[in-house]
N, C-alpha and C. Protein backbone atom coordinates (compact mmCIF):
# COMPACT_ATOMS: atom_id res chain seq x y z
N MET A 1 201.29 -80.46 -37.25
CA MET A 1 200.51 -79.15 -37.15
C MET A 1 201.03 -78.33 -36.18
N THR A 2 201.16 -77.06 -36.50
CA THR A 2 201.69 -75.93 -35.29
C THR A 2 200.49 -75.06 -35.40
N PHE A 3 200.43 -74.49 -34.03
CA PHE A 3 199.56 -73.45 -33.76
C PHE A 3 200.27 -72.28 -33.33
N LEU A 4 199.91 -71.10 -34.06
CA LEU A 4 200.43 -69.77 -33.75
C LEU A 4 199.51 -68.84 -33.11
N ASP A 5 199.71 -68.18 -32.12
CA ASP A 5 199.02 -67.34 -31.38
C ASP A 5 199.70 -66.06 -31.77
N LEU A 6 198.94 -65.20 -32.57
CA LEU A 6 199.50 -64.00 -33.14
C LEU A 6 198.89 -62.63 -32.39
N THR A 7 199.63 -61.73 -31.81
CA THR A 7 199.04 -60.70 -31.34
C THR A 7 198.92 -59.71 -32.56
N PRO A 8 198.13 -58.57 -32.38
CA PRO A 8 197.89 -57.75 -33.66
C PRO A 8 199.24 -57.26 -34.28
N GLY A 9 200.13 -57.00 -33.51
CA GLY A 9 201.53 -56.50 -34.00
C GLY A 9 202.40 -57.51 -34.78
N GLU A 10 201.78 -58.76 -34.52
CA GLU A 10 202.81 -59.87 -35.17
C GLU A 10 201.98 -60.32 -36.59
N ARG A 11 201.02 -59.60 -36.96
CA ARG A 11 200.25 -60.09 -38.23
C ARG A 11 200.90 -59.23 -39.52
N SER A 12 201.53 -59.83 -40.03
CA SER A 12 202.12 -59.30 -41.36
C SER A 12 201.06 -59.17 -42.52
N PRO A 13 201.29 -58.28 -43.44
CA PRO A 13 200.53 -58.13 -44.44
C PRO A 13 200.37 -59.57 -45.25
N GLU A 14 201.42 -60.05 -45.38
CA GLU A 14 201.34 -61.57 -46.10
C GLU A 14 200.62 -62.50 -45.36
N ARG A 15 200.65 -62.45 -44.06
CA ARG A 15 199.88 -63.47 -43.28
C ARG A 15 198.35 -63.05 -43.34
N ILE A 16 198.11 -61.68 -43.30
CA ILE A 16 196.63 -61.35 -43.45
C ILE A 16 196.17 -61.71 -44.74
N ALA A 17 196.91 -61.60 -45.85
CA ALA A 17 196.39 -61.94 -47.10
C ALA A 17 196.09 -63.57 -47.35
N GLN A 18 196.94 -64.27 -46.52
CA GLN A 18 196.72 -65.62 -46.56
C GLN A 18 195.50 -66.08 -46.02
N LEU A 19 195.30 -65.41 -44.83
CA LEU A 19 194.10 -65.70 -43.95
C LEU A 19 192.88 -65.18 -44.69
N THR A 20 192.99 -64.07 -45.29
CA THR A 20 191.89 -63.66 -46.03
C THR A 20 191.49 -64.52 -47.38
N ALA A 21 192.46 -65.10 -48.01
CA ALA A 21 192.13 -66.07 -48.95
C ALA A 21 191.51 -67.36 -48.42
N LEU A 22 191.94 -67.78 -47.19
CA LEU A 22 191.53 -68.97 -46.51
C LEU A 22 189.94 -68.66 -46.07
N TRP A 23 189.83 -67.53 -45.64
CA TRP A 23 188.31 -67.09 -45.27
C TRP A 23 187.47 -67.33 -46.45
N GLU A 24 187.94 -66.87 -47.67
CA GLU A 24 187.08 -66.84 -48.90
C GLU A 24 186.87 -68.14 -49.41
N ARG A 25 187.86 -69.18 -49.25
CA ARG A 25 187.68 -70.44 -49.67
C ARG A 25 186.73 -71.19 -48.69
N SER A 26 186.92 -70.95 -47.23
CA SER A 26 186.05 -71.46 -46.23
C SER A 26 184.48 -71.11 -46.65
N VAL A 27 184.33 -69.60 -46.80
CA VAL A 27 182.87 -69.13 -46.86
C VAL A 27 182.33 -69.81 -48.10
N ARG A 28 183.07 -70.06 -49.12
CA ARG A 28 182.51 -70.61 -50.55
C ARG A 28 182.11 -71.99 -50.18
N ALA A 29 182.65 -72.55 -49.52
CA ALA A 29 182.45 -74.15 -49.07
C ALA A 29 181.44 -74.26 -47.98
N THR A 30 181.17 -73.28 -47.22
CA THR A 30 180.16 -73.47 -46.01
C THR A 30 179.08 -72.46 -45.99
N HIS A 31 179.19 -71.36 -46.57
CA HIS A 31 178.00 -70.32 -46.46
C HIS A 31 177.22 -70.13 -47.68
N HIS A 32 176.54 -71.43 -48.03
CA HIS A 32 175.99 -71.45 -49.37
C HIS A 32 174.65 -70.47 -49.46
N PHE A 33 174.33 -69.76 -48.35
CA PHE A 33 173.28 -68.91 -48.39
C PHE A 33 173.86 -67.52 -48.84
N LEU A 34 175.19 -67.37 -49.02
CA LEU A 34 175.59 -66.00 -49.73
C LEU A 34 175.94 -66.12 -51.01
N ASP A 35 175.46 -65.19 -51.91
CA ASP A 35 175.66 -65.31 -53.29
C ASP A 35 177.10 -64.50 -53.54
N GLU A 36 177.48 -64.62 -54.67
CA GLU A 36 178.65 -63.80 -55.24
C GLU A 36 178.90 -62.43 -54.61
N ALA A 37 177.61 -61.62 -54.91
CA ALA A 37 177.65 -60.10 -54.70
C ALA A 37 177.84 -60.12 -53.19
N ALA A 38 177.32 -60.88 -52.42
CA ALA A 38 177.44 -60.80 -50.84
C ALA A 38 178.94 -61.19 -50.44
N ILE A 39 179.43 -62.16 -51.03
CA ILE A 39 180.87 -62.54 -50.54
C ILE A 39 181.79 -61.33 -50.98
N GLN A 40 181.55 -60.74 -52.32
CA GLN A 40 182.45 -59.66 -52.61
C GLN A 40 182.15 -58.44 -51.72
N ALA A 41 181.00 -58.23 -51.28
CA ALA A 41 180.58 -57.19 -50.46
C ALA A 41 181.39 -57.25 -49.06
N ILE A 42 181.34 -58.65 -48.66
CA ILE A 42 181.87 -58.79 -47.20
C ILE A 42 183.42 -58.85 -47.30
N ALA A 43 184.05 -59.26 -48.35
CA ALA A 43 185.36 -59.50 -48.35
C ALA A 43 186.42 -58.42 -47.99
N PRO A 44 186.02 -57.27 -48.50
CA PRO A 44 187.00 -56.08 -48.10
C PRO A 44 187.04 -55.94 -46.67
N GLU A 45 186.09 -56.21 -45.80
CA GLU A 45 185.98 -56.18 -44.33
C GLU A 45 186.82 -57.06 -43.53
N VAL A 46 187.26 -58.24 -44.17
CA VAL A 46 187.93 -59.33 -43.51
C VAL A 46 189.38 -59.08 -43.20
N PRO A 47 190.06 -58.45 -43.98
CA PRO A 47 191.49 -58.10 -43.53
C PRO A 47 191.54 -57.21 -42.21
N GLN A 48 190.73 -56.28 -42.17
CA GLN A 48 190.68 -55.29 -41.03
C GLN A 48 190.24 -56.18 -39.78
N ALA A 49 189.12 -56.86 -39.78
CA ALA A 49 188.82 -57.76 -38.74
C ALA A 49 190.01 -58.71 -38.36
N LEU A 50 190.78 -59.28 -39.19
CA LEU A 50 191.93 -60.08 -38.83
C LEU A 50 192.92 -59.27 -38.21
N ARG A 51 193.23 -57.93 -38.50
CA ARG A 51 194.12 -57.23 -37.96
C ARG A 51 193.77 -56.69 -36.62
N GLU A 52 192.42 -56.57 -36.41
CA GLU A 52 191.83 -55.88 -35.16
C GLU A 52 191.49 -56.92 -33.94
N VAL A 53 191.19 -58.15 -34.44
CA VAL A 53 190.65 -59.08 -33.30
C VAL A 53 191.95 -59.31 -32.30
N PRO A 54 191.46 -59.28 -30.96
CA PRO A 54 192.60 -59.23 -30.04
C PRO A 54 193.44 -60.44 -29.99
N ALA A 55 192.78 -61.58 -30.09
CA ALA A 55 193.59 -62.81 -30.03
C ALA A 55 193.25 -63.71 -31.27
N LEU A 56 194.35 -64.05 -32.00
CA LEU A 56 194.21 -64.73 -33.38
C LEU A 56 195.04 -65.96 -33.14
N THR A 57 194.51 -67.15 -33.35
CA THR A 57 195.31 -68.33 -33.51
C THR A 57 194.97 -69.07 -34.83
N VAL A 58 196.29 -69.34 -35.47
CA VAL A 58 196.32 -69.80 -36.81
C VAL A 58 197.04 -71.32 -36.69
N ALA A 59 196.26 -72.13 -37.32
CA ALA A 59 196.74 -73.48 -37.51
C ALA A 59 197.55 -73.67 -38.85
N LEU A 60 198.83 -74.21 -38.80
CA LEU A 60 199.68 -74.29 -39.90
C LEU A 60 200.16 -75.67 -40.18
N ASP A 61 200.07 -76.07 -41.55
CA ASP A 61 200.73 -77.45 -41.67
C ASP A 61 202.11 -77.36 -41.87
N GLU A 62 202.78 -78.50 -42.09
CA GLU A 62 204.33 -78.65 -41.93
C GLU A 62 205.02 -77.70 -42.68
N GLU A 63 204.43 -77.21 -43.90
CA GLU A 63 205.16 -76.20 -44.81
C GLU A 63 204.80 -74.79 -44.35
N GLY A 64 204.02 -74.55 -43.21
CA GLY A 64 203.70 -73.13 -42.72
C GLY A 64 202.54 -72.58 -43.50
N THR A 65 201.73 -73.43 -44.22
CA THR A 65 200.52 -72.81 -44.93
C THR A 65 199.40 -72.87 -43.89
N PRO A 66 198.53 -71.86 -43.75
CA PRO A 66 197.50 -71.74 -42.96
C PRO A 66 196.37 -72.84 -43.17
N LEU A 67 195.88 -73.50 -42.37
CA LEU A 67 194.92 -74.48 -42.64
C LEU A 67 193.54 -74.16 -41.88
N GLY A 68 193.61 -73.07 -40.96
CA GLY A 68 192.56 -72.62 -40.24
C GLY A 68 192.84 -71.44 -39.35
N PHE A 69 191.86 -70.73 -38.80
CA PHE A 69 192.17 -69.84 -37.88
C PHE A 69 190.99 -69.36 -36.97
N LEU A 70 191.20 -68.96 -35.86
CA LEU A 70 190.17 -68.56 -34.77
C LEU A 70 190.56 -67.43 -34.24
N GLY A 71 189.61 -66.41 -33.92
CA GLY A 71 189.78 -65.24 -33.43
C GLY A 71 188.81 -65.11 -32.15
N VAL A 72 189.41 -64.45 -31.09
CA VAL A 72 188.53 -64.38 -29.90
C VAL A 72 188.68 -62.83 -29.39
N ALA A 73 187.69 -62.11 -28.93
CA ALA A 73 187.74 -60.87 -28.28
C ALA A 73 187.07 -61.20 -27.06
N GLY A 74 187.98 -60.83 -25.82
CA GLY A 74 187.25 -61.12 -24.55
C GLY A 74 186.98 -62.55 -24.38
N HIS A 75 185.46 -62.78 -24.04
CA HIS A 75 185.20 -64.14 -24.06
C HIS A 75 184.26 -64.59 -25.12
N SER A 76 184.42 -63.87 -26.18
CA SER A 76 183.68 -64.08 -27.32
C SER A 76 184.25 -64.61 -28.55
N LEU A 77 183.74 -65.73 -29.20
CA LEU A 77 184.52 -66.19 -30.40
C LEU A 77 184.03 -65.19 -31.51
N GLU A 78 185.05 -64.69 -32.19
CA GLU A 78 184.66 -63.71 -33.24
C GLU A 78 184.64 -64.42 -34.74
N MET A 79 185.50 -65.45 -34.91
CA MET A 79 185.82 -66.02 -36.14
C MET A 79 186.26 -67.40 -36.00
N LEU A 80 185.87 -68.34 -36.83
CA LEU A 80 186.57 -69.67 -36.95
C LEU A 80 186.44 -70.09 -38.30
N PHE A 81 187.55 -70.24 -39.08
CA PHE A 81 187.18 -70.63 -40.48
C PHE A 81 188.41 -71.42 -40.78
N LEU A 82 187.90 -72.64 -41.56
CA LEU A 82 188.89 -73.54 -41.96
C LEU A 82 189.01 -73.94 -43.41
N ASP A 83 190.20 -74.18 -43.92
CA ASP A 83 190.28 -74.62 -45.16
C ASP A 83 189.37 -75.71 -45.44
N PRO A 84 188.55 -75.61 -46.48
CA PRO A 84 187.51 -76.66 -46.96
C PRO A 84 188.21 -78.09 -47.06
N ASP A 85 189.46 -78.31 -47.37
CA ASP A 85 189.95 -79.71 -47.48
C ASP A 85 190.11 -80.24 -45.98
N HIS A 86 189.96 -79.31 -45.00
CA HIS A 86 190.13 -79.96 -43.61
C HIS A 86 188.90 -79.83 -42.67
N LEU A 87 187.82 -79.58 -43.45
CA LEU A 87 186.52 -79.61 -42.73
C LEU A 87 186.27 -81.07 -42.38
N GLY A 88 185.60 -81.28 -40.97
CA GLY A 88 185.27 -82.48 -40.58
C GLY A 88 186.48 -83.44 -40.13
N GLN A 89 187.46 -82.98 -40.07
CA GLN A 89 188.72 -83.82 -39.69
C GLN A 89 189.29 -83.55 -38.28
N GLY A 90 188.52 -82.58 -37.42
CA GLY A 90 189.04 -82.38 -36.22
C GLY A 90 189.79 -81.02 -35.83
N LEU A 91 190.12 -80.44 -37.03
CA LEU A 91 190.88 -79.16 -36.81
C LEU A 91 190.12 -78.24 -36.11
N GLY A 92 188.72 -78.02 -36.47
CA GLY A 92 188.03 -76.91 -35.65
C GLY A 92 187.92 -77.32 -34.35
N THR A 93 187.78 -78.60 -34.07
CA THR A 93 187.73 -78.95 -32.47
C THR A 93 189.11 -78.53 -31.86
N GLN A 94 190.21 -78.94 -32.57
CA GLN A 94 191.50 -78.59 -31.95
C GLN A 94 191.80 -77.18 -31.72
N LEU A 95 191.23 -76.14 -32.70
CA LEU A 95 191.46 -74.88 -32.47
C LEU A 95 190.47 -74.36 -31.39
N PHE A 96 189.23 -74.83 -31.33
CA PHE A 96 188.16 -74.38 -30.29
C PHE A 96 188.71 -74.81 -28.89
N ARG A 97 189.29 -76.00 -28.76
CA ARG A 97 189.81 -76.44 -27.41
C ARG A 97 190.78 -75.51 -26.86
N ARG A 98 191.53 -75.34 -27.91
CA ARG A 98 192.85 -74.43 -27.55
C ARG A 98 192.46 -72.94 -27.18
N ALA A 99 191.46 -72.43 -27.84
CA ALA A 99 191.00 -71.13 -27.58
C ALA A 99 190.15 -71.23 -26.15
N MET A 100 189.38 -72.22 -25.88
CA MET A 100 188.58 -72.36 -24.78
C MET A 100 189.53 -72.38 -23.63
N GLY A 101 190.54 -73.17 -23.68
CA GLY A 101 191.59 -73.30 -22.63
C GLY A 101 192.22 -71.87 -22.40
N GLN A 102 192.44 -71.10 -23.19
CA GLN A 102 193.18 -69.58 -23.05
C GLN A 102 192.20 -68.72 -22.59
N HIS A 103 190.89 -68.74 -23.22
CA HIS A 103 190.12 -67.42 -23.06
C HIS A 103 188.71 -67.74 -22.43
N TYR A 104 188.25 -69.08 -22.18
CA TYR A 104 186.88 -69.30 -21.77
C TYR A 104 185.88 -68.51 -22.72
N ILE A 105 185.48 -69.18 -23.77
CA ILE A 105 184.57 -68.72 -24.73
C ILE A 105 183.01 -68.78 -24.24
N ALA A 106 182.61 -67.78 -23.72
CA ALA A 106 181.23 -67.75 -23.19
C ALA A 106 180.17 -67.43 -24.10
N GLN A 107 180.62 -66.63 -25.22
CA GLN A 107 179.43 -66.29 -26.20
C GLN A 107 180.02 -66.59 -27.54
N ILE A 108 179.17 -66.99 -28.59
CA ILE A 108 179.49 -67.18 -29.97
C ILE A 108 178.34 -66.54 -30.68
N THR A 109 178.73 -66.04 -31.91
CA THR A 109 177.73 -65.47 -32.86
C THR A 109 177.97 -66.32 -34.13
N VAL A 110 176.79 -66.93 -34.67
CA VAL A 110 176.90 -67.68 -35.86
C VAL A 110 175.80 -67.36 -36.73
N ASN A 111 175.94 -67.41 -38.03
CA ASN A 111 175.04 -67.13 -39.03
C ASN A 111 173.89 -68.39 -38.76
N GLU A 112 172.63 -67.84 -38.80
CA GLU A 112 171.63 -68.86 -38.68
C GLU A 112 171.56 -69.98 -39.62
N GLN A 113 171.82 -69.57 -40.92
CA GLN A 113 171.75 -70.40 -42.15
C GLN A 113 173.03 -71.42 -42.12
N ASN A 114 173.85 -71.11 -41.30
CA ASN A 114 175.17 -71.90 -41.23
C ASN A 114 174.90 -73.20 -40.41
N GLN A 115 174.07 -74.02 -40.75
CA GLN A 115 173.69 -75.40 -39.73
C GLN A 115 175.11 -75.90 -39.51
N ARG A 116 175.88 -76.27 -40.21
CA ARG A 116 177.10 -77.00 -39.91
C ARG A 116 177.89 -76.27 -38.59
N ALA A 117 177.95 -74.92 -38.66
CA ALA A 117 178.71 -74.35 -37.68
C ALA A 117 177.78 -74.48 -36.28
N LEU A 118 176.59 -74.04 -36.47
CA LEU A 118 175.57 -74.24 -35.47
C LEU A 118 175.51 -75.61 -34.69
N ASP A 119 175.73 -76.60 -35.59
CA ASP A 119 175.61 -77.87 -34.91
C ASP A 119 176.89 -78.17 -34.11
N PHE A 120 178.06 -77.61 -34.79
CA PHE A 120 179.35 -77.64 -34.04
C PHE A 120 179.30 -77.04 -32.57
N TYR A 121 178.74 -76.03 -32.63
CA TYR A 121 178.63 -75.24 -31.14
C TYR A 121 177.74 -75.80 -30.33
N LEU A 122 176.45 -76.39 -30.81
CA LEU A 122 175.57 -76.94 -29.99
C LEU A 122 175.97 -78.27 -29.42
N ARG A 123 176.84 -78.99 -30.06
CA ARG A 123 177.34 -80.28 -29.50
C ARG A 123 178.54 -79.83 -28.44
N ARG A 124 178.90 -78.68 -28.22
CA ARG A 124 179.70 -78.23 -27.30
C ARG A 124 179.12 -77.51 -26.14
N SER A 125 177.82 -77.64 -25.96
CA SER A 125 177.12 -77.39 -24.82
C SER A 125 176.73 -75.81 -24.81
N TYR A 126 176.62 -75.19 -26.25
CA TYR A 126 176.10 -73.75 -26.35
C TYR A 126 174.57 -74.00 -26.55
N LYS A 127 173.98 -72.87 -26.29
CA LYS A 127 172.55 -72.80 -26.63
C LYS A 127 172.29 -71.38 -27.24
N VAL A 128 171.20 -71.37 -27.92
CA VAL A 128 170.78 -70.04 -28.52
C VAL A 128 170.32 -69.09 -27.45
N HIS A 129 171.06 -68.02 -27.34
CA HIS A 129 170.36 -67.08 -26.28
C HIS A 129 169.30 -66.15 -26.94
N HIS A 130 169.79 -65.51 -28.16
CA HIS A 130 168.84 -64.64 -28.85
C HIS A 130 169.29 -64.67 -30.25
N ARG A 131 168.44 -64.08 -31.05
CA ARG A 131 168.53 -64.05 -32.67
C ARG A 131 168.30 -62.59 -33.03
N THR A 132 168.88 -62.24 -34.13
CA THR A 132 168.75 -60.87 -34.83
C THR A 132 168.45 -61.24 -36.09
N PRO A 133 167.46 -60.37 -36.75
CA PRO A 133 167.20 -60.73 -38.31
C PRO A 133 168.25 -60.26 -39.21
N THR A 134 169.20 -59.42 -38.80
CA THR A 134 170.21 -58.96 -39.64
C THR A 134 171.64 -59.36 -39.09
N ASP A 135 172.79 -59.26 -39.90
CA ASP A 135 174.01 -59.28 -39.27
C ASP A 135 174.40 -58.05 -38.71
N GLN A 136 175.61 -57.77 -38.10
CA GLN A 136 176.00 -56.57 -37.33
C GLN A 136 176.01 -55.35 -38.21
N GLN A 137 176.27 -55.46 -39.64
CA GLN A 137 176.12 -54.56 -40.68
C GLN A 137 174.86 -54.33 -41.29
N GLY A 138 173.71 -54.92 -40.90
CA GLY A 138 172.39 -54.60 -41.18
C GLY A 138 172.08 -55.56 -42.54
N ARG A 139 173.03 -56.30 -42.91
CA ARG A 139 172.62 -57.25 -44.10
C ARG A 139 171.54 -58.26 -43.56
N PRO A 140 170.92 -58.77 -44.53
CA PRO A 140 169.74 -59.71 -44.24
C PRO A 140 170.11 -61.25 -43.95
N TYR A 141 171.16 -61.36 -43.11
CA TYR A 141 171.69 -62.74 -42.66
C TYR A 141 171.48 -62.79 -41.24
N PRO A 142 170.43 -63.37 -40.80
CA PRO A 142 169.89 -63.61 -39.17
C PRO A 142 171.35 -64.25 -38.56
N LEU A 143 171.43 -63.64 -37.43
CA LEU A 143 172.61 -64.15 -36.44
C LEU A 143 171.90 -64.74 -35.32
N LEU A 144 172.60 -65.79 -34.89
CA LEU A 144 172.28 -66.55 -33.48
C LEU A 144 173.39 -66.05 -32.63
N TYR A 145 172.94 -65.83 -31.37
CA TYR A 145 173.93 -65.59 -30.34
C TYR A 145 173.88 -66.55 -29.35
N LEU A 146 174.99 -67.35 -29.14
CA LEU A 146 174.93 -68.61 -28.35
C LEU A 146 175.74 -68.31 -27.07
N THR A 147 175.27 -69.03 -26.01
CA THR A 147 175.93 -68.82 -24.64
C THR A 147 176.17 -70.18 -24.21
N LEU A 148 177.22 -70.29 -23.36
CA LEU A 148 177.63 -71.47 -22.92
C LEU A 148 176.45 -72.07 -21.84
N SER A 149 176.04 -73.32 -22.16
CA SER A 149 175.10 -73.86 -21.13
C SER A 149 175.57 -74.12 -19.72
N CYS A 150 175.00 -73.75 -18.67
CA CYS A 150 175.47 -74.07 -17.41
C CYS A 150 174.51 -75.31 -16.95
N TYR A 151 175.25 -76.27 -16.17
CA TYR A 151 174.62 -77.44 -15.74
C TYR A 151 174.06 -77.41 -14.29
């Protein structure tokens, strides 16, 4: 496994297309609260988000195929998506630890209905700071804002 840290200028259209396809496979496997219309409505926003997130780390297999990616802006985790065939195998943990070491992730936003992701972050000492009834675009998908717990 190889990890690439890509600046915005290093993200080719081909790489953005690969990651967008990975995003869709991941969402279909994990975001069961989204229907087909919702996925199709959100999908056009993904390439722009991938181009603009300041720090993007991509996990690649031996052939160079993306298996997962993680994006960070400042100290906020903006995105973490894995190929469905690699869920529960430690890849998310590897990406997260790498990002934490580089950026100190203090805040995470997660869909309230994505229990698997929420549990992943709660196990890493994050706690719910607040909730909004809609996502950032006003769609009816509640968001939870998590902050790192201090001991």
